[in-house]
Protein backbone atom coordinates (compact mmCIF):
# COMPACT_ATOMS: atom_id res chain seq x y z
CA UNK A 1 -5.36 14.96 -16.83
CA UNK A 2 -2.15 15.41 -18.72
CA UNK A 3 0.40 12.63 -18.60
CA UNK A 4 4.11 12.84 -19.29
CA UNK A 5 5.76 9.68 -20.50
CA UNK A 6 9.00 8.58 -18.86
CA UNK A 7 11.37 5.98 -20.15
CA UNK A 8 11.28 2.83 -18.04
CA UNK A 9 14.82 1.88 -16.99
CA UNK A 10 16.30 -1.54 -17.58
CA UNK A 11 17.67 -3.34 -14.50
CA UNK A 12 21.39 -2.71 -13.96
CA UNK A 13 23.91 -5.51 -14.13
CA UNK A 14 23.57 -6.51 -10.49
CA UNK A 15 23.51 -10.03 -9.09
CA UNK A 16 20.10 -11.40 -8.25
CA UNK A 17 19.63 -11.63 -4.50
CA UNK A 18 19.11 -15.13 -3.21
CA UNK A 19 16.37 -15.87 -0.73
CA UNK A 20 15.20 -19.07 0.86
CA UNK A 21 12.57 -20.14 3.31
CA UNK A 22 13.65 -20.86 6.84
CA UNK A 23 12.23 -23.42 9.24
CA UNK A 24 10.56 -20.57 11.14
CA UNK A 25 8.56 -19.68 8.04
CA UNK A 26 7.21 -23.21 7.73
CA UNK A 27 6.19 -23.25 11.38
CA UNK A 28 4.79 -19.73 11.40
CA UNK A 29 3.04 -19.33 8.05
CA UNK A 30 1.51 -15.85 7.56
CA UNK A 31 -2.09 -15.85 8.76
CA UNK A 32 -4.58 -14.05 6.57
CA UNK A 33 -7.27 -12.28 8.51
CA UNK A 34 -10.35 -14.48 8.87
CA UNK A 35 -12.47 -11.40 8.22
CA UNK A 36 -11.31 -11.24 4.64
CA UNK A 37 -12.84 -14.55 3.65
CA UNK A 38 -9.53 -15.87 2.32
CA UNK A 39 -8.32 -19.31 3.38
CA UNK A 40 -6.16 -19.21 6.47
CA UNK A 41 -2.65 -20.66 6.51
CA UNK A 42 -2.19 -21.19 10.22
CA UNK A 43 -2.18 -24.97 10.36
CA UNK A 44 -5.94 -25.41 10.06
CA UNK A 45 -5.64 -25.88 6.31
CA UNK A 46 -2.83 -26.73 3.93
CA UNK A 47 -4.15 -24.45 1.19
CA UNK A 48 -1.83 -21.54 0.56
CA UNK A 49 -4.07 -18.50 0.17
CA UNK A 50 -1.14 -16.43 -1.07
CA UNK A 51 -1.36 -18.03 -4.51
CA UNK A 52 -2.97 -16.12 -7.32
CA UNK A 53 -5.93 -17.38 -9.29
CA UNK A 54 -4.77 -17.75 -12.89
CA UNK A 55 -5.66 -14.69 -14.93
CA UNK A 56 -6.23 -12.40 -11.97
CA UNK A 57 -4.09 -9.30 -11.46
CA UNK A 58 -2.51 -8.95 -8.02
CA UNK A 59 -1.56 -5.64 -6.40
CA UNK A 60 0.17 -5.20 -3.03
CA UNK A 61 0.84 -2.15 -0.87
CA UNK A 62 3.30 -2.22 2.02
CA UNK A 63 4.73 0.38 4.36
CA UNK A 64 8.18 -1.01 5.22
CA UNK A 65 8.86 1.15 8.33
CA UNK A 66 11.99 3.14 7.55
CA UNK A 67 12.88 0.93 4.62
CA UNK A 68 13.20 -2.14 6.82
CA UNK A 69 16.30 -0.58 8.41
CA UNK A 70 16.51 -0.32 12.19
CA UNK A 71 17.99 2.58 14.15
CA UNK A 72 21.15 0.56 14.81
CA UNK A 73 21.63 0.06 11.06
CA UNK A 74 20.48 -3.55 11.07
CA UNK A 75 18.67 -4.64 7.90
CA UNK A 76 17.32 -8.06 8.78
CA UNK A 77 13.74 -6.72 8.49
CA UNK A 78 14.39 -5.49 4.98
CA UNK A 79 15.73 -8.88 3.91
CA UNK A 80 12.82 -10.75 5.44
CA UNK A 81 10.31 -8.30 3.95
CA UNK A 82 11.64 -9.16 0.50
CA UNK A 83 11.34 -12.87 1.24
CA UNK A 84 7.73 -12.44 2.31
CA UNK A 85 6.81 -10.24 -0.65
CA UNK A 86 8.25 -12.88 -2.97
CA UNK A 87 5.73 -15.39 -1.59
CA UNK A 88 2.80 -13.21 -2.70
CA UNK A 89 3.57 -13.51 -6.43
CA UNK A 90 2.34 -9.97 -7.05
CA UNK A 91 2.19 -8.20 -10.41
CA UNK A 92 2.43 -4.73 -8.83
CA UNK A 93 3.92 -3.75 -5.45
CA UNK A 94 3.68 -0.24 -3.99
CA UNK A 95 6.24 0.44 -1.25
CA UNK A 96 6.33 3.28 1.26
CA UNK A 97 8.90 4.65 3.72
CA UNK A 98 11.96 3.70 1.71
CA UNK A 99 14.28 5.65 3.97
CA UNK A 100 17.97 5.45 2.96
CA UNK A 101 17.08 3.47 -0.17
CA UNK A 102 18.37 6.38 -2.24
CA UNK A 103 21.91 5.69 -1.02
CA UNK A 104 24.48 4.23 -3.39
CA UNK A 105 22.47 4.57 -6.59
CA UNK A 106 19.33 2.98 -5.09
CA UNK A 107 21.05 -0.39 -4.71
CA UNK A 108 18.48 -1.54 -2.13
CA UNK A 109 15.63 -0.86 -4.55
CA UNK A 110 17.35 -2.69 -7.39
CA UNK A 111 18.25 -5.54 -5.06
CA UNK A 112 14.63 -5.93 -3.95
CA UNK A 113 13.40 -5.78 -7.55
CA UNK A 114 15.93 -8.37 -8.71
CA UNK A 115 15.03 -10.71 -5.85
CA UNK A 116 11.33 -10.38 -6.71
CA UNK A 117 11.78 -10.76 -10.47
CA UNK A 118 10.39 -7.25 -10.90
CA UNK A 119 11.45 -3.85 -12.25
CA UNK A 120 11.18 -0.55 -10.32
CA UNK A 121 9.77 2.56 -11.90
CA UNK A 122 11.68 5.75 -11.05
CA UNK A 123 11.10 6.35 -7.32
CA UNK A 124 8.87 9.08 -5.91
CA UNK A 125 11.07 11.33 -3.79
CA UNK A 126 9.69 12.47 -0.45
CA UNK A 127 11.24 15.91 -0.16
CA UNK A 128 9.17 16.97 2.88
CA UNK A 129 8.72 13.57 4.48
CA UNK A 130 12.15 12.86 6.04
CA UNK A 131 13.31 10.82 3.09
CA UNK A 132 10.42 8.36 3.24
CA UNK A 133 10.46 7.71 -0.50
CA UNK A 134 7.95 5.66 -2.50
CA UNK A 135 8.40 3.08 -5.23
CA UNK A 136 6.29 1.01 -7.59
CA UNK A 137 7.61 -2.35 -8.77
CA UNK A 138 6.10 -4.30 -11.67
CA UNK A 139 6.57 -7.79 -13.03
CA UNK A 140 7.70 -7.43 -16.67
CA UNK A 141 6.37 -10.87 -17.61
CA UNK A 142 2.79 -9.80 -16.80
CA UNK A 143 2.73 -5.98 -16.85
CA UNK A 144 3.07 -3.49 -19.72
CA UNK A 145 3.78 0.12 -18.75
CA UNK A 146 2.20 2.72 -21.03
CA UNK A 147 3.28 5.88 -19.22
CA UNK A 148 4.41 7.05 -15.82
CA UNK A 149 4.84 10.19 -13.72
CA UNK A 150 6.93 10.04 -10.53
CA UNK A 151 5.70 13.48 -9.39
CA UNK A 152 2.11 13.46 -10.53
CA UNK A 153 1.02 16.19 -8.09
CA UNK A 154 3.95 18.53 -8.83
CA UNK A 155 5.39 18.41 -5.34
CA UNK A 156 2.18 19.28 -3.49
CA UNK A 157 1.90 15.99 -1.57
CA UNK A 158 3.79 15.60 1.71
CA UNK A 159 5.42 12.34 0.59
CA UNK A 160 4.69 12.55 -3.11
CA UNK A 161 2.35 10.86 -5.57
CA UNK A 162 3.21 8.50 -8.40
CA UNK A 163 0.92 7.66 -11.31
CA UNK A 164 1.40 4.76 -13.72
CA UNK A 165 -0.83 3.75 -16.61
CA UNK A 166 -0.41 0.06 -17.30
CA UNK A 167 -1.94 -3.22 -18.35
CA UNK A 168 -1.73 -6.41 -16.27
CA UNK A 169 -2.02 -9.78 -17.99
CA UNK A 170 -3.63 -8.21 -21.02
CA UNK A 171 -6.44 -6.62 -19.00
CA UNK A 172 -7.75 -3.20 -19.95
CA UNK A 173 -5.58 -0.21 -19.09
CA UNK A 174 -5.41 0.61 -15.39
CA UNK A 175 -4.15 3.78 -13.72
CA UNK A 176 -2.30 3.04 -10.50
CA UNK A 177 -1.94 5.94 -8.08
CA UNK A 178 0.43 5.29 -5.19
CA UNK A 179 1.13 7.60 -2.28
CA UNK A 180 1.62 8.03 1.45
CA UNK A 181 -0.77 10.67 2.74
CA UNK A 182 0.41 13.21 5.28
CA UNK A 183 0.69 11.94 8.85
CA UNK A 184 0.49 15.39 10.47
CA UNK A 185 -3.25 15.94 10.45
CA UNK A 186 -6.64 15.61 8.78
CA UNK A 187 -6.56 18.98 7.03
CA UNK A 188 -3.41 18.05 5.11
CA UNK A 189 -4.82 14.65 4.16
CA UNK A 190 -8.09 16.23 3.07
CA UNK A 191 -6.23 18.61 0.74
CA UNK A 192 -4.37 15.66 -0.79
CA UNK A 193 -7.63 13.73 -1.17
CA UNK A 194 -9.16 16.67 -3.05
CA UNK A 195 -6.45 16.22 -5.69
CA UNK A 196 -7.16 12.48 -5.90
CA UNK A 197 -10.96 12.72 -5.95
CA UNK A 198 -11.09 13.44 -9.68
CA UNK A 199 -10.01 9.85 -10.33
CA UNK A 200 -13.07 8.39 -8.65
CA UNK A 201 -15.13 8.20 -11.83
CA UNK A 202 -15.23 9.33 -15.44
CA UNK A 203 -13.10 12.32 -16.45
CA UNK A 204 -14.32 14.64 -19.21
CA UNK A 205 -16.85 12.00 -20.15
CA UNK A 206 -14.25 9.24 -20.47
CA UNK A 207 -14.29 6.23 -18.12
CA UNK A 208 -11.00 5.76 -16.29
CA UNK A 209 -10.03 2.59 -14.44
CA UNK A 210 -8.09 3.63 -11.33
CA UNK A 211 -6.78 2.09 -8.12
CA UNK A 212 -5.23 4.06 -5.27
CA UNK A 213 -2.64 2.24 -3.15
CA UNK A 214 -0.69 3.26 -0.10
CA UNK A 215 -0.55 4.26 3.53
CA UNK A 216 -3.40 6.79 3.68
CA UNK A 217 -2.86 7.58 7.40
CA UNK A 218 -6.59 7.47 8.12
CA UNK A 219 -9.17 4.90 9.01
CA UNK A 220 -11.72 4.03 6.33
CA UNK A 221 -14.84 6.05 5.67
CA UNK A 222 -16.99 3.47 7.45
CA UNK A 223 -14.47 1.81 9.78
CA UNK A 224 -15.34 1.43 13.48
CA UNK A 225 -14.20 4.31 15.67
CA UNK A 226 -10.93 3.39 17.46
CA UNK A 227 -10.41 4.08 21.14
CA UNK A 228 -7.95 6.94 20.69
CA UNK A 229 -7.95 7.63 24.44
CA UNK A 230 -5.35 4.84 24.70
CA UNK A 231 -2.91 6.93 22.65
CA UNK A 232 -0.80 9.82 24.04
CA UNK A 233 -2.16 13.27 23.23
CA UNK A 234 0.79 14.27 21.06
CA UNK A 235 0.12 11.31 18.74
CA UNK A 236 -3.67 11.43 19.05
CA UNK A 237 -3.50 14.95 17.59
CA UNK A 238 -2.71 13.41 14.19
CA UNK A 239 -5.96 11.48 14.06
CA UNK A 240 -8.77 13.37 15.78
CA UNK A 241 -10.95 16.44 15.34
CA UNK A 242 -10.94 19.12 17.99
CA UNK A 243 -14.35 19.81 19.50
CA UNK A 244 -15.78 23.31 19.97
CA UNK A 245 -14.74 22.99 23.59
CA UNK A 246 -11.12 22.38 22.66
CA UNK A 247 -11.10 18.67 23.44
CA UNK A 248 -10.23 15.70 21.24
CA UNK A 249 -13.24 14.46 19.32
CA UNK A 250 -13.73 11.52 16.98
CA UNK A 251 -11.53 10.56 14.03
CA UNK A 252 -10.85 13.09 11.30
CA UNK A 253 -11.62 10.78 8.39
CA UNK A 254 -12.60 13.50 5.92
CA UNK A 255 -9.98 12.39 3.38
CA UNK A 256 -11.37 8.87 3.11
CA UNK A 257 -14.95 10.11 3.23
CA UNK A 258 -14.23 12.42 0.31
CA UNK A 259 -12.61 9.65 -1.71
CA UNK A 260 -15.60 7.40 -1.00
CA UNK A 261 -18.07 10.06 -2.12
CA UNK A 262 -15.97 10.66 -5.26
CA UNK A 263 -16.34 7.02 -6.32
CA UNK A 264 -13.47 5.10 -4.71
CA UNK A 265 -14.64 1.81 -3.21
CA UNK A 266 -13.19 -0.18 -0.34
CA UNK A 267 -12.64 -3.78 -1.55
CA UNK A 268 -13.52 -5.24 1.85
CA UNK A 269 -16.87 -3.46 1.76
CA UNK A 270 -17.46 -4.51 -1.84
CA UNK A 271 -16.86 -8.14 -0.83
CA UNK A 272 -19.06 -7.82 2.25
CA UNK A 273 -16.20 -8.54 4.64
CA UNK A 274 -15.16 -6.99 7.93
CA UNK A 275 -12.23 -4.60 7.70
CA UNK A 276 -9.04 -5.93 9.33
CA UNK A 277 -6.46 -3.79 11.09
CA UNK A 278 -3.19 -2.89 9.41
CA UNK A 279 -1.54 -1.13 12.39
CA UNK A 280 -1.73 -0.93 16.17
CA UNK A 281 0.50 -3.76 17.37
CA UNK A 282 4.05 -2.36 17.09
CA UNK A 283 4.53 0.33 19.73
CA UNK A 284 2.96 0.50 23.22
CA UNK A 285 2.33 4.19 22.59
CA UNK A 286 0.22 3.39 19.51
CA UNK A 287 -1.43 0.16 20.63
CA UNK A 288 -4.75 1.01 19.02
CA UNK A 289 -5.87 -1.43 16.33
CA UNK A 290 -7.06 0.36 13.21
CA UNK A 291 -6.55 0.55 9.48
CA UNK A 292 -4.34 2.98 7.56
CA UNK A 293 -3.29 0.98 4.50
CA UNK A 294 -5.56 0.64 1.47
CA UNK A 295 -5.91 -0.33 -2.14
CA UNK A 296 -9.08 1.47 -3.20
CA UNK A 297 -10.79 0.80 -6.55
CA UNK A 298 -12.75 3.43 -8.41
CA UNK A 299 -16.21 3.07 -9.93
CA UNK A 300 -14.95 1.41 -13.11
CA UNK A 301 -12.82 -1.18 -11.29
CA UNK A 302 -14.97 -2.11 -8.28
CA UNK A 303 -17.04 -4.69 -10.18
CA UNK A 304 -13.87 -6.65 -10.95
CA UNK A 305 -12.61 -7.08 -7.38
CA UNK A 306 -11.94 -10.77 -6.83
CA UNK A 307 -10.36 -10.85 -3.36
CA UNK A 308 -8.74 -8.67 -0.72
CA UNK A 309 -6.55 -9.57 2.24
CA UNK A 310 -4.35 -8.26 5.01
CA UNK A 311 -1.54 -10.58 6.08
CA UNK A 312 -1.59 -10.50 9.87
CA UNK A 313 0.69 -13.00 11.61
CA UNK A 314 3.47 -13.16 14.15
CA UNK A 315 5.88 -13.21 11.21
CA UNK A 316 4.53 -10.14 9.42
CA UNK A 317 4.04 -8.22 12.66
CA UNK A 318 7.77 -8.58 13.33
CA UNK A 319 8.72 -6.97 10.01
CA UNK A 320 7.02 -3.56 10.12
CA UNK A 321 4.52 -1.45 12.02
CA UNK A 322 2.21 -1.86 9.01
CA UNK A 323 0.78 -5.05 7.51
CA UNK A 324 0.78 -5.87 3.77
CA UNK A 325 -2.49 -5.40 1.89
CA UNK A 326 -3.33 -7.49 -1.19
CA UNK A 327 -5.96 -6.93 -3.89
CA UNK A 328 -6.82 -9.33 -6.70
CA UNK A 329 -8.69 -8.08 -9.78
CA UNK A 330 -10.53 -10.23 -12.30
CA UNK A 331 -10.29 -9.45 -15.98
CA UNK A 332 -13.10 -7.06 -17.08
């Protein structure tokens, strides 16, 4: 798989955004799903499960819902999203749906990076996805970038695909694929998954350490079947097969099944934990709890999974229609 190196930009001379905790944050600490096995920060314990274990690498994926910008132009969600992400102390953050972040020389992206003490790689432009751009941020104190492609699939993905080859805290080289699979239907997602499947194991006899992060717009290969009958037909069409009789069937999860067969592992399954929802709470029309957001690890990374979590709380549910997903990797 050929790689083209891109120069990594230095942050512009912009002021660092200030952020501070509010009283509401102290009262309403983000709750980490009990199913993940992480310590809960809901008042039952004072341990903050958002802290990293020294030496572990932390990756986060987060769909911001239209860049954290509301239809009336309000940006309070975007500001609070940055505050929450800062609390995770991540080494790598993959962001989706950065609508309008391309305005004014990407000042919102640089502002988020500066506030987080991170650097953005050149964004992945979503030419067919209504401007829902993607970005990957890295912490320069802990991450070394070896090479990067902001259009790794040459424009064939609905929202785009970025690919970075990097090292976190001196660990062995890791390829990070980040994307937002097509929302329109299972056939489109399956075609995108076919492109990604080659990263599930060794390539041309060479082991490759790969993680895939993003909103994959599908439930997991082995996730429980949601009750799609609670969703209007025009939205249900994005998720379900059609039966031979022309009726809605079960979930079209072929994309995630293919990735699983190709060697990508679900960290929650690796850790023996139940899979928490990442969506289903935002809109009455889509009030069906299920999972769409993943950080999958391929065959050569799965043995080094240390922890996985979804931050599900009143606070995080107010910020986006998707919940943040966190993965910690131990050094090989």
